[in-house]
Full PDB file with SEQRES, HELIX, SHEET, SSBOND, CRYST1, ORIGX, SCALE, CONECT and MASTER records, all heavy atoms in Angstrom:
SEQRES   1 A   34  GLY SER THR ALA TYR ALA ASP SER VAL LYS GLY ARG PHE          
SEQRES   2 A   34  THR ILE SER ARG ASP ASN ALA LYS ASN THR VAL TYR LEU          
SEQRES   3 A   34  GLN MET ASP SER LEU LYS PRO GLU                              
HELIX    1 AA1 ASN A   19  LYS A   21  5                                   3    
SHEET    1 AA1 2 PHE A  13  ASP A  18  0                                        
SHEET    2 AA1 2 THR A  23  MET A  28 -1                                        
CRYST1    1.000    1.000    1.000  90.00  90.00  90.00 P 1           1          
ORIGX1      1.000000  0.000000  0.000000        0.00000                         
ORIGX2      0.000000  1.000000  0.000000        0.00000                         
ORIGX3      0.000000  0.000000  1.000000        0.00000                         
SCALE1      1.000000  0.000000  0.000000        0.00000                         
SCALE2      0.000000  1.000000  0.000000        0.00000                         
SCALE3      0.000000  0.000000  1.000000        0.00000                         
ATOM      1  N   GLY A   1      89.989  53.751  -2.896  1.00  0.00           N  
ATOM      2  CA  GLY A   1      90.354  53.015  -1.704  1.00  0.00           C  
ATOM      3  C   GLY A   1      91.552  53.550  -0.957  1.00  0.00           C  
ATOM      4  O   GLY A   1      91.741  53.220   0.223  1.00  0.00           O  
ATOM      5  N   SER A   2      92.370  54.342  -1.611  1.00  0.00           N  
ATOM      6  CA  SER A   2      93.525  54.923  -0.951  1.00  0.00           C  
ATOM      7  C   SER A   2      93.732  56.344  -1.444  1.00  0.00           C  
ATOM      8  O   SER A   2      93.383  56.675  -2.576  1.00  0.00           O  
ATOM      9  CB  SER A   2      94.786  54.082  -1.189  1.00  0.00           C  
ATOM     10  OG  SER A   2      95.129  54.051  -2.562  1.00  0.00           O  
ATOM     11  N   THR A   3      94.290  57.173  -0.588  1.00  0.00           N  
ATOM     12  CA  THR A   3      94.584  58.561  -0.914  1.00  0.00           C  
ATOM     13  C   THR A   3      95.973  58.919  -0.430  1.00  0.00           C  
ATOM     14  O   THR A   3      96.547  58.240   0.423  1.00  0.00           O  
ATOM     15  CB  THR A   3      93.565  59.521  -0.289  1.00  0.00           C  
ATOM     16  OG1 THR A   3      93.552  59.339   1.133  1.00  0.00           O  
ATOM     17  CG2 THR A   3      92.169  59.262  -0.837  1.00  0.00           C  
ATOM     18  N   ALA A   4      96.511  59.984  -0.983  1.00  0.00           N  
ATOM     19  CA  ALA A   4      97.809  60.501  -0.567  1.00  0.00           C  
ATOM     20  C   ALA A   4      97.760  62.019  -0.604  1.00  0.00           C  
ATOM     21  O   ALA A   4      97.095  62.607  -1.455  1.00  0.00           O  
ATOM     22  CB  ALA A   4      98.919  59.973  -1.472  1.00  0.00           C  
ATOM     23  N   TYR A   5      98.477  62.648   0.335  1.00  0.00           N  
ATOM     24  CA  TYR A   5      98.487  64.099   0.437  1.00  0.00           C  
ATOM     25  C   TYR A   5      99.892  64.614   0.670  1.00  0.00           C  
ATOM     26  O   TYR A   5     100.707  63.973   1.336  1.00  0.00           O  
ATOM     27  CB  TYR A   5      97.609  64.575   1.597  1.00  0.00           C  
ATOM     28  CG  TYR A   5      96.150  64.242   1.452  1.00  0.00           C  
ATOM     29  CD1 TYR A   5      95.627  63.074   1.984  1.00  0.00           C  
ATOM     30  CD2 TYR A   5      95.298  65.106   0.778  1.00  0.00           C  
ATOM     31  CE1 TYR A   5      94.278  62.761   1.848  1.00  0.00           C  
ATOM     32  CE2 TYR A   5      93.950  64.806   0.638  1.00  0.00           C  
ATOM     33  CZ  TYR A   5      93.447  63.634   1.178  1.00  0.00           C  
ATOM     34  OH  TYR A   5      92.114  63.324   1.047  1.00  0.00           O  
ATOM     35  N   ALA A   6     100.156  65.792   0.132  1.00  0.00           N  
ATOM     36  CA  ALA A   6     101.368  66.498   0.498  1.00  0.00           C  
ATOM     37  C   ALA A   6     101.275  66.931   1.951  1.00  0.00           C  
ATOM     38  O   ALA A   6     100.187  67.247   2.457  1.00  0.00           O  
ATOM     39  CB  ALA A   6     101.572  67.716  -0.402  1.00  0.00           C  
ATOM     40  N   ASP A   7     102.415  66.957   2.637  1.00  0.00           N  
ATOM     41  CA  ASP A   7     102.411  67.354   4.040  1.00  0.00           C  
ATOM     42  C   ASP A   7     101.840  68.758   4.236  1.00  0.00           C  
ATOM     43  O   ASP A   7     101.216  69.045   5.263  1.00  0.00           O  
ATOM     44  CB  ASP A   7     103.825  67.293   4.606  1.00  0.00           C  
ATOM     45  CG  ASP A   7     104.320  65.873   4.799  1.00  0.00           C  
ATOM     46  OD1 ASP A   7     103.491  64.941   4.830  1.00  0.00           O  
ATOM     47  OD2 ASP A   7     105.546  65.693   4.923  1.00  0.00           O  
ATOM     48  N   SER A   8     102.039  69.624   3.265  1.00  0.00           N  
ATOM     49  CA  SER A   8     101.611  71.005   3.392  1.00  0.00           C  
ATOM     50  C   SER A   8     100.095  71.171   3.424  1.00  0.00           C  
ATOM     51  O   SER A   8      99.599  72.202   3.886  1.00  0.00           O  
ATOM     52  CB  SER A   8     102.200  71.847   2.258  1.00  0.00           C  
ATOM     53  OG  SER A   8     101.789  71.353   0.999  1.00  0.00           O  
ATOM     54  N   VAL A   9      99.355  70.174   2.936  1.00  0.00           N  
ATOM     55  CA  VAL A   9      97.899  70.280   2.889  1.00  0.00           C  
ATOM     56  C   VAL A   9      97.202  69.233   3.736  1.00  0.00           C  
ATOM     57  O   VAL A   9      95.969  69.279   3.873  1.00  0.00           O  
ATOM     58  CB  VAL A   9      97.379  70.202   1.445  1.00  0.00           C  
ATOM     59  CG1 VAL A   9      98.080  71.222   0.561  1.00  0.00           C  
ATOM     60  CG2 VAL A   9      97.551  68.795   0.875  1.00  0.00           C  
ATOM     61  N   LYS A  10      97.942  68.320   4.306  1.00  0.00           N  
ATOM     62  CA  LYS A  10      97.359  67.239   5.088  1.00  0.00           C  
ATOM     63  C   LYS A  10      96.559  67.804   6.259  1.00  0.00           C  
ATOM     64  O   LYS A  10      97.027  68.675   6.991  1.00  0.00           O  
ATOM     65  CB  LYS A  10      98.454  66.304   5.576  1.00  0.00           C  
ATOM     66  CG  LYS A  10      97.965  64.970   6.110  1.00  0.00           C  
ATOM     67  CD  LYS A  10      99.145  64.035   6.376  1.00  0.00           C  
ATOM     68  CE  LYS A  10      99.931  63.749   5.114  1.00  0.00           C  
ATOM     69  NZ  LYS A  10     101.064  62.812   5.362  1.00  0.00           N  
ATOM     70  N   GLY A  11      95.354  67.307   6.416  1.00  0.00           N  
ATOM     71  CA  GLY A  11      94.473  67.794   7.463  1.00  0.00           C  
ATOM     72  C   GLY A  11      93.602  68.952   7.052  1.00  0.00           C  
ATOM     73  O   GLY A  11      92.652  69.294   7.764  1.00  0.00           O  
ATOM     74  N   ARG A  12      93.905  69.576   5.916  1.00  0.00           N  
ATOM     75  CA  ARG A  12      93.127  70.709   5.427  1.00  0.00           C  
ATOM     76  C   ARG A  12      92.395  70.401   4.120  1.00  0.00           C  
ATOM     77  O   ARG A  12      91.300  70.914   3.890  1.00  0.00           O  
ATOM     78  CB  ARG A  12      94.022  71.932   5.216  1.00  0.00           C  
ATOM     79  CG  ARG A  12      94.718  72.409   6.484  1.00  0.00           C  
ATOM     80  CD  ARG A  12      95.448  73.729   6.255  1.00  0.00           C  
ATOM     81  NE  ARG A  12      96.515  73.598   5.258  1.00  0.00           N  
ATOM     82  CZ  ARG A  12      96.571  74.282   4.116  1.00  0.00           C  
ATOM     83  NH1 ARG A  12      95.612  75.163   3.828  1.00  0.00           N  
ATOM     84  NH2 ARG A  12      97.580  74.114   3.273  1.00  0.00           N  
ATOM     85  N   PHE A  13      93.007  69.589   3.271  1.00  0.00           N  
ATOM     86  CA  PHE A  13      92.433  69.258   1.970  1.00  0.00           C  
ATOM     87  C   PHE A  13      91.945  67.817   1.973  1.00  0.00           C  
ATOM     88  O   PHE A  13      92.536  66.949   2.627  1.00  0.00           O  
ATOM     89  CB  PHE A  13      93.464  69.410   0.851  1.00  0.00           C  
ATOM     90  CG  PHE A  13      93.889  70.823   0.549  1.00  0.00           C  
ATOM     91  CD1 PHE A  13      93.532  71.887   1.359  1.00  0.00           C  
ATOM     92  CD2 PHE A  13      94.663  71.080  -0.573  1.00  0.00           C  
ATOM     93  CE1 PHE A  13      93.925  73.183   1.075  1.00  0.00           C  
ATOM     94  CE2 PHE A  13      95.070  72.369  -0.875  1.00  0.00           C  
ATOM     95  CZ  PHE A  13      94.701  73.422  -0.052  1.00  0.00           C  
ATOM     96  N   THR A  14      90.901  67.556   1.204  1.00  0.00           N  
ATOM     97  CA  THR A  14      90.364  66.215   1.061  1.00  0.00           C  
ATOM     98  C   THR A  14      90.075  65.937  -0.405  1.00  0.00           C  
ATOM     99  O   THR A  14      89.347  66.696  -1.051  1.00  0.00           O  
ATOM    100  CB  THR A  14      89.079  66.024   1.876  1.00  0.00           C  
ATOM    101  OG1 THR A  14      89.320  66.332   3.252  1.00  0.00           O  
ATOM    102  CG2 THR A  14      88.592  64.585   1.764  1.00  0.00           C  
ATOM    103  N   ILE A  15      90.639  64.859  -0.921  1.00  0.00           N  
ATOM    104  CA  ILE A  15      90.369  64.446  -2.290  1.00  0.00           C  
ATOM    105  C   ILE A  15      89.321  63.340  -2.274  1.00  0.00           C  
ATOM    106  O   ILE A  15      89.320  62.482  -1.392  1.00  0.00           O  
ATOM    107  CB  ILE A  15      91.654  63.982  -3.012  1.00  0.00           C  
ATOM    108  CG1 ILE A  15      91.388  63.748  -4.503  1.00  0.00           C  
ATOM    109  CG2 ILE A  15      92.242  62.739  -2.360  1.00  0.00           C  
ATOM    110  CD1 ILE A  15      92.661  63.502  -5.318  1.00  0.00           C  
ATOM    111  N   SER A  16      88.421  63.372  -3.239  1.00  0.00           N  
ATOM    112  CA  SER A  16      87.395  62.353  -3.360  1.00  0.00           C  
ATOM    113  C   SER A  16      87.024  62.203  -4.822  1.00  0.00           C  
ATOM    114  O   SER A  16      87.418  63.013  -5.663  1.00  0.00           O  
ATOM    115  CB  SER A  16      86.163  62.705  -2.514  1.00  0.00           C  
ATOM    116  OG  SER A  16      85.577  63.916  -2.959  1.00  0.00           O  
ATOM    117  N   ARG A  17      86.261  61.164  -5.125  1.00  0.00           N  
ATOM    118  CA  ARG A  17      85.835  60.961  -6.502  1.00  0.00           C  
ATOM    119  C   ARG A  17      84.459  60.338  -6.545  1.00  0.00           C  
ATOM    120  O   ARG A  17      84.047  59.617  -5.638  1.00  0.00           O  
ATOM    121  CB  ARG A  17      86.843  60.095  -7.272  1.00  0.00           C  
ATOM    122  CG  ARG A  17      86.938  58.647  -6.800  1.00  0.00           C  
ATOM    123  CD  ARG A  17      88.136  57.938  -7.446  1.00  0.00           C  
ATOM    124  NE  ARG A  17      88.027  57.886  -8.899  1.00  0.00           N  
ATOM    125  CZ  ARG A  17      89.050  57.691  -9.724  1.00  0.00           C  
ATOM    126  NH1 ARG A  17      90.281  57.542  -9.231  1.00  0.00           N  
ATOM    127  NH2 ARG A  17      88.851  57.645 -11.031  1.00  0.00           N  
ATOM    128  N   ASP A  18      83.769  60.611  -7.634  1.00  0.00           N  
ATOM    129  CA  ASP A  18      82.471  60.019  -7.910  1.00  0.00           C  
ATOM    130  C   ASP A  18      82.563  59.452  -9.316  1.00  0.00           C  
ATOM    131  O   ASP A  18      82.402  60.178 -10.299  1.00  0.00           O  
ATOM    132  CB  ASP A  18      81.364  61.054  -7.792  1.00  0.00           C  
ATOM    133  CG  ASP A  18      79.977  60.449  -7.940  1.00  0.00           C  
ATOM    134  OD1 ASP A  18      79.853  59.326  -8.462  1.00  0.00           O  
ATOM    135  OD2 ASP A  18      79.002  61.102  -7.517  1.00  0.00           O  
ATOM    136  N   ASN A  19      82.840  58.163  -9.408  1.00  0.00           N  
ATOM    137  CA  ASN A  19      83.060  57.558 -10.716  1.00  0.00           C  
ATOM    138  C   ASN A  19      81.805  57.554 -11.577  1.00  0.00           C  
ATOM    139  O   ASN A  19      81.895  57.575 -12.805  1.00  0.00           O  
ATOM    140  CB  ASN A  19      83.596  56.136 -10.544  1.00  0.00           C  
ATOM    141  CG  ASN A  19      85.041  56.115 -10.097  1.00  0.00           C  
ATOM    142  OD1 ASN A  19      85.727  57.133 -10.121  1.00  0.00           O  
ATOM    143  ND2 ASN A  19      85.515  54.950  -9.679  1.00  0.00           N  
ATOM    144  N   ALA A  20      80.638  57.524 -10.949  1.00  0.00           N  
ATOM    145  CA  ALA A  20      79.392  57.581 -11.706  1.00  0.00           C  
ATOM    146  C   ALA A  20      79.240  58.910 -12.429  1.00  0.00           C  
ATOM    147  O   ALA A  20      78.556  58.984 -13.449  1.00  0.00           O  
ATOM    148  CB  ALA A  20      78.201  57.329 -10.790  1.00  0.00           C  
ATOM    149  N   LYS A  21      79.869  59.964 -11.900  1.00  0.00           N  
ATOM    150  CA  LYS A  21      79.796  61.289 -12.502  1.00  0.00           C  
ATOM    151  C   LYS A  21      81.070  61.673 -13.236  1.00  0.00           C  
ATOM    152  O   LYS A  21      81.185  62.798 -13.723  1.00  0.00           O  
ATOM    153  CB  LYS A  21      79.492  62.339 -11.432  1.00  0.00           C  
ATOM    154  CG  LYS A  21      78.145  62.163 -10.752  1.00  0.00           C  
ATOM    155  CD  LYS A  21      77.910  63.247  -9.716  1.00  0.00           C  
ATOM    156  CE  LYS A  21      76.547  63.087  -9.068  1.00  0.00           C  
ATOM    157  NZ  LYS A  21      76.302  64.130  -8.037  1.00  0.00           N  
ATOM    158  N   ASN A  22      82.027  60.757 -13.305  1.00  0.00           N  
ATOM    159  CA  ASN A  22      83.306  61.034 -13.964  1.00  0.00           C  
ATOM    160  C   ASN A  22      83.960  62.299 -13.419  1.00  0.00           C  
ATOM    161  O   ASN A  22      84.480  63.127 -14.167  1.00  0.00           O  
ATOM    162  CB  ASN A  22      83.130  61.159 -15.472  1.00  0.00           C  
ATOM    163  CG  ASN A  22      83.065  59.822 -16.177  1.00  0.00           C  
ATOM    164  OD1 ASN A  22      82.931  58.769 -15.559  1.00  0.00           O  
ATOM    165  ND2 ASN A  22      83.158  59.853 -17.507  1.00  0.00           N  
ATOM    166  N   THR A  23      83.947  62.436 -12.101  1.00  0.00           N  
ATOM    167  CA  THR A  23      84.413  63.669 -11.483  1.00  0.00           C  
ATOM    168  C   THR A  23      85.271  63.368 -10.256  1.00  0.00           C  
ATOM    169  O   THR A  23      84.952  62.467  -9.477  1.00  0.00           O  
ATOM    170  CB  THR A  23      83.235  64.557 -11.071  1.00  0.00           C  
ATOM    171  OG1 THR A  23      82.435  64.844 -12.227  1.00  0.00           O  
ATOM    172  CG2 THR A  23      83.722  65.875 -10.486  1.00  0.00           C  
ATOM    173  N   VAL A  24      86.348  64.133 -10.106  1.00  0.00           N  
ATOM    174  CA  VAL A  24      87.167  64.098  -8.912  1.00  0.00           C  
ATOM    175  C   VAL A  24      87.103  65.476  -8.261  1.00  0.00           C  
ATOM    176  O   VAL A  24      86.997  66.492  -8.955  1.00  0.00           O  
ATOM    177  CB  VAL A  24      88.623  63.679  -9.228  1.00  0.00           C  
ATOM    178  CG1 VAL A  24      89.301  64.690 -10.146  1.00  0.00           C  
ATOM    179  CG2 VAL A  24      89.423  63.478  -7.957  1.00  0.00           C  
ATOM    180  N   TYR A  25      87.166  65.509  -6.936  1.00  0.00           N  
ATOM    181  CA  TYR A  25      87.010  66.746  -6.184  1.00  0.00           C  
ATOM    182  C   TYR A  25      88.216  66.992  -5.288  1.00  0.00           C  
ATOM    183  O   TYR A  25      88.910  66.064  -4.871  1.00  0.00           O  
ATOM    184  CB  TYR A  25      85.766  66.694  -5.303  1.00  0.00           C  
ATOM    185  CG  TYR A  25      84.494  66.375  -6.046  1.00  0.00           C  
ATOM    186  CD1 TYR A  25      84.015  65.076  -6.117  1.00  0.00           C  
ATOM    187  CD2 TYR A  25      83.767  67.382  -6.677  1.00  0.00           C  
ATOM    188  CE1 TYR A  25      82.847  64.777  -6.798  1.00  0.00           C  
ATOM    189  CE2 TYR A  25      82.604  67.095  -7.359  1.00  0.00           C  
ATOM    190  CZ  TYR A  25      82.143  65.797  -7.418  1.00  0.00           C  
ATOM    191  OH  TYR A  25      80.982  65.504  -8.095  1.00  0.00           O  
ATOM    192  N   LEU A  26      88.430  68.248  -4.987  1.00  0.00           N  
ATOM    193  CA  LEU A  26      89.397  68.635  -3.972  1.00  0.00           C  
ATOM    194  C   LEU A  26      88.736  69.660  -3.066  1.00  0.00           C  
ATOM    195  O   LEU A  26      88.533  70.809  -3.464  1.00  0.00           O  
ATOM    196  CB  LEU A  26      90.669  69.214  -4.596  1.00  0.00           C  
ATOM    197  CG  LEU A  26      91.789  69.523  -3.612  1.00  0.00           C  
ATOM    198  CD1 LEU A  26      92.358  68.232  -3.016  1.00  0.00           C  
ATOM    199  CD2 LEU A  26      92.897  70.332  -4.280  1.00  0.00           C  
ATOM    200  N   GLN A  27      88.383  69.227  -1.874  1.00  0.00           N  
ATOM    201  CA  GLN A  27      87.826  70.120  -0.875  1.00  0.00           C  
ATOM    202  C   GLN A  27      88.975  70.769  -0.122  1.00  0.00           C  
ATOM    203  O   GLN A  27      89.796  70.075   0.476  1.00  0.00           O  
ATOM    204  CB  GLN A  27      86.925  69.351   0.094  1.00  0.00           C  
ATOM    205  CG  GLN A  27      86.344  70.193   1.216  1.00  0.00           C  
ATOM    206  CD  GLN A  27      85.362  71.227   0.721  1.00  0.00           C  
ATOM    207  OE1 GLN A  27      84.531  70.936  -0.125  1.00  0.00           O  
ATOM    208  NE2 GLN A  27      85.463  72.442   1.249  1.00  0.00           N  
ATOM    209  N   MET A  28      89.030  72.086  -0.140  1.00  0.00           N  
ATOM    210  CA  MET A  28      90.115  72.831   0.472  1.00  0.00           C  
ATOM    211  C   MET A  28      89.553  73.690   1.601  1.00  0.00           C  
ATOM    212  O   MET A  28      88.753  74.597   1.355  1.00  0.00           O  
ATOM    213  CB  MET A  28      90.833  73.702  -0.562  1.00  0.00           C  
ATOM    214  CG  MET A  28      91.352  72.928  -1.765  1.00  0.00           C  
ATOM    215  SD  MET A  28      92.326  73.949  -2.910  1.00  0.00           S  
ATOM    216  CE  MET A  28      91.055  75.067  -3.478  1.00  0.00           C  
ATOM    217  N   ASP A  29      89.967  73.395   2.808  1.00  0.00           N  
ATOM    218  CA  ASP A  29      89.534  74.129   3.987  1.00  0.00           C  
ATOM    219  C   ASP A  29      90.730  74.814   4.635  1.00  0.00           C  
ATOM    220  O   ASP A  29      91.879  74.454   4.394  1.00  0.00           O  
ATOM    221  CB  ASP A  29      88.870  73.190   4.995  1.00  0.00           C  
ATOM    222  CG  ASP A  29      87.621  72.525   4.467  1.00  0.00           C  
ATOM    223  OD1 ASP A  29      86.843  73.190   3.760  1.00  0.00           O  
ATOM    224  OD2 ASP A  29      87.418  71.325   4.767  1.00  0.00           O  
ATOM    225  N   SER A  30      90.443  75.784   5.479  1.00  0.00           N  
ATOM    226  CA  SER A  30      91.495  76.514   6.201  1.00  0.00           C  
ATOM    227  C   SER A  30      92.582  77.004   5.254  1.00  0.00           C  
ATOM    228  O   SER A  30      93.779  76.827   5.502  1.00  0.00           O  
ATOM    229  CB  SER A  30      92.091  75.630   7.300  1.00  0.00           C  
ATOM    230  OG  SER A  30      91.103  75.217   8.222  1.00  0.00           O  
ATOM    231  N   LEU A  31      92.165  77.626   4.183  1.00  0.00           N  
ATOM    232  CA  LEU A  31      93.104  78.052   3.150  1.00  0.00           C  
ATOM    233  C   LEU A  31      94.057  79.125   3.664  1.00  0.00           C  
ATOM    234  O   LEU A  31      93.687  79.973   4.478  1.00  0.00           O  
ATOM    235  CB  LEU A  31      92.347  78.560   1.933  1.00  0.00           C  
ATOM    236  CG  LEU A  31      91.770  77.455   1.049  1.00  0.00           C  
ATOM    237  CD1 LEU A  31      90.693  78.009   0.126  1.00  0.00           C  
ATOM    238  CD2 LEU A  31      92.885  76.802   0.233  1.00  0.00           C  
ATOM    239  N   LYS A  32      95.280  79.056   3.161  1.00  0.00           N  
ATOM    240  CA  LYS A  32      96.342  79.978   3.517  1.00  0.00           C  
ATOM    241  C   LYS A  32      96.826  80.707   2.275  1.00  0.00           C  
ATOM    242  O   LYS A  32      96.703  80.190   1.163  1.00  0.00           O  
ATOM    243  CB  LYS A  32      97.516  79.220   4.147  1.00  0.00           C  
ATOM    244  CG  LYS A  32      97.158  78.370   5.348  1.00  0.00           C  
ATOM    245  CD  LYS A  32      98.363  77.564   5.811  1.00  0.00           C  
ATOM    246  CE  LYS A  32      98.020  76.697   6.996  1.00  0.00           C  
ATOM    247  NZ  LYS A  32      99.189  75.887   7.436  1.00  0.00           N  
ATOM    248  N   PRO A  33      97.408  81.895   2.433  1.00  0.00           N  
ATOM    249  CA  PRO A  33      97.935  82.598   1.262  1.00  0.00           C  
ATOM    250  C   PRO A  33      98.929  81.764   0.454  1.00  0.00           C  
ATOM    251  O   PRO A  33      98.971  81.892  -0.773  1.00  0.00           O  
ATOM    252  CB  PRO A  33      98.611  83.831   1.865  1.00  0.00           C  
ATOM    253  CG  PRO A  33      97.829  84.095   3.102  1.00  0.00           C  
ATOM    254  CD  PRO A  33      97.482  82.732   3.644  1.00  0.00           C  
ATOM    255  N   GLU A  34      99.695  80.913   1.107  1.00  0.00           N  
ATOM    256  CA  GLU A  34     100.657  80.080   0.400  1.00  0.00           C  
ATOM    257  C   GLU A  34     100.006  78.984  -0.437  1.00  0.00           C  
ATOM    258  O   GLU A  34     100.701  78.289  -1.185  1.00  0.00           O  
ATOM    259  CB  GLU A  34     101.676  79.464   1.367  1.00  0.00           C  
ATOM    260  CG  GLU A  34     101.051  78.776   2.559  1.00  0.00           C  
ATOM    261  CD  GLU A  34     101.014  79.662   3.789  1.00  0.00           C  
ATOM    262  OE1 GLU A  34     100.655  80.849   3.663  1.00  0.00           O  
ATOM    263  OE2 GLU A  34     101.358  79.168   4.886  1.00  0.00           O  
TER     264      GLU A  34                                                      
MASTER        0    0    0    1    2    0    0    6  263    1    0    3          
END                                                                             
C-alpha cells in the first residue's frame, strides 16, 4: 500500500511485490553508471 524511494532513483526505479509468489521486484529504468 505504500512505497518509498531514495531521491537518486525516484522516477526511474519501481518497487513492487507479489505476495502469492513470495517475491519482491525492483524495476530499474534509465540506468546510469552511478
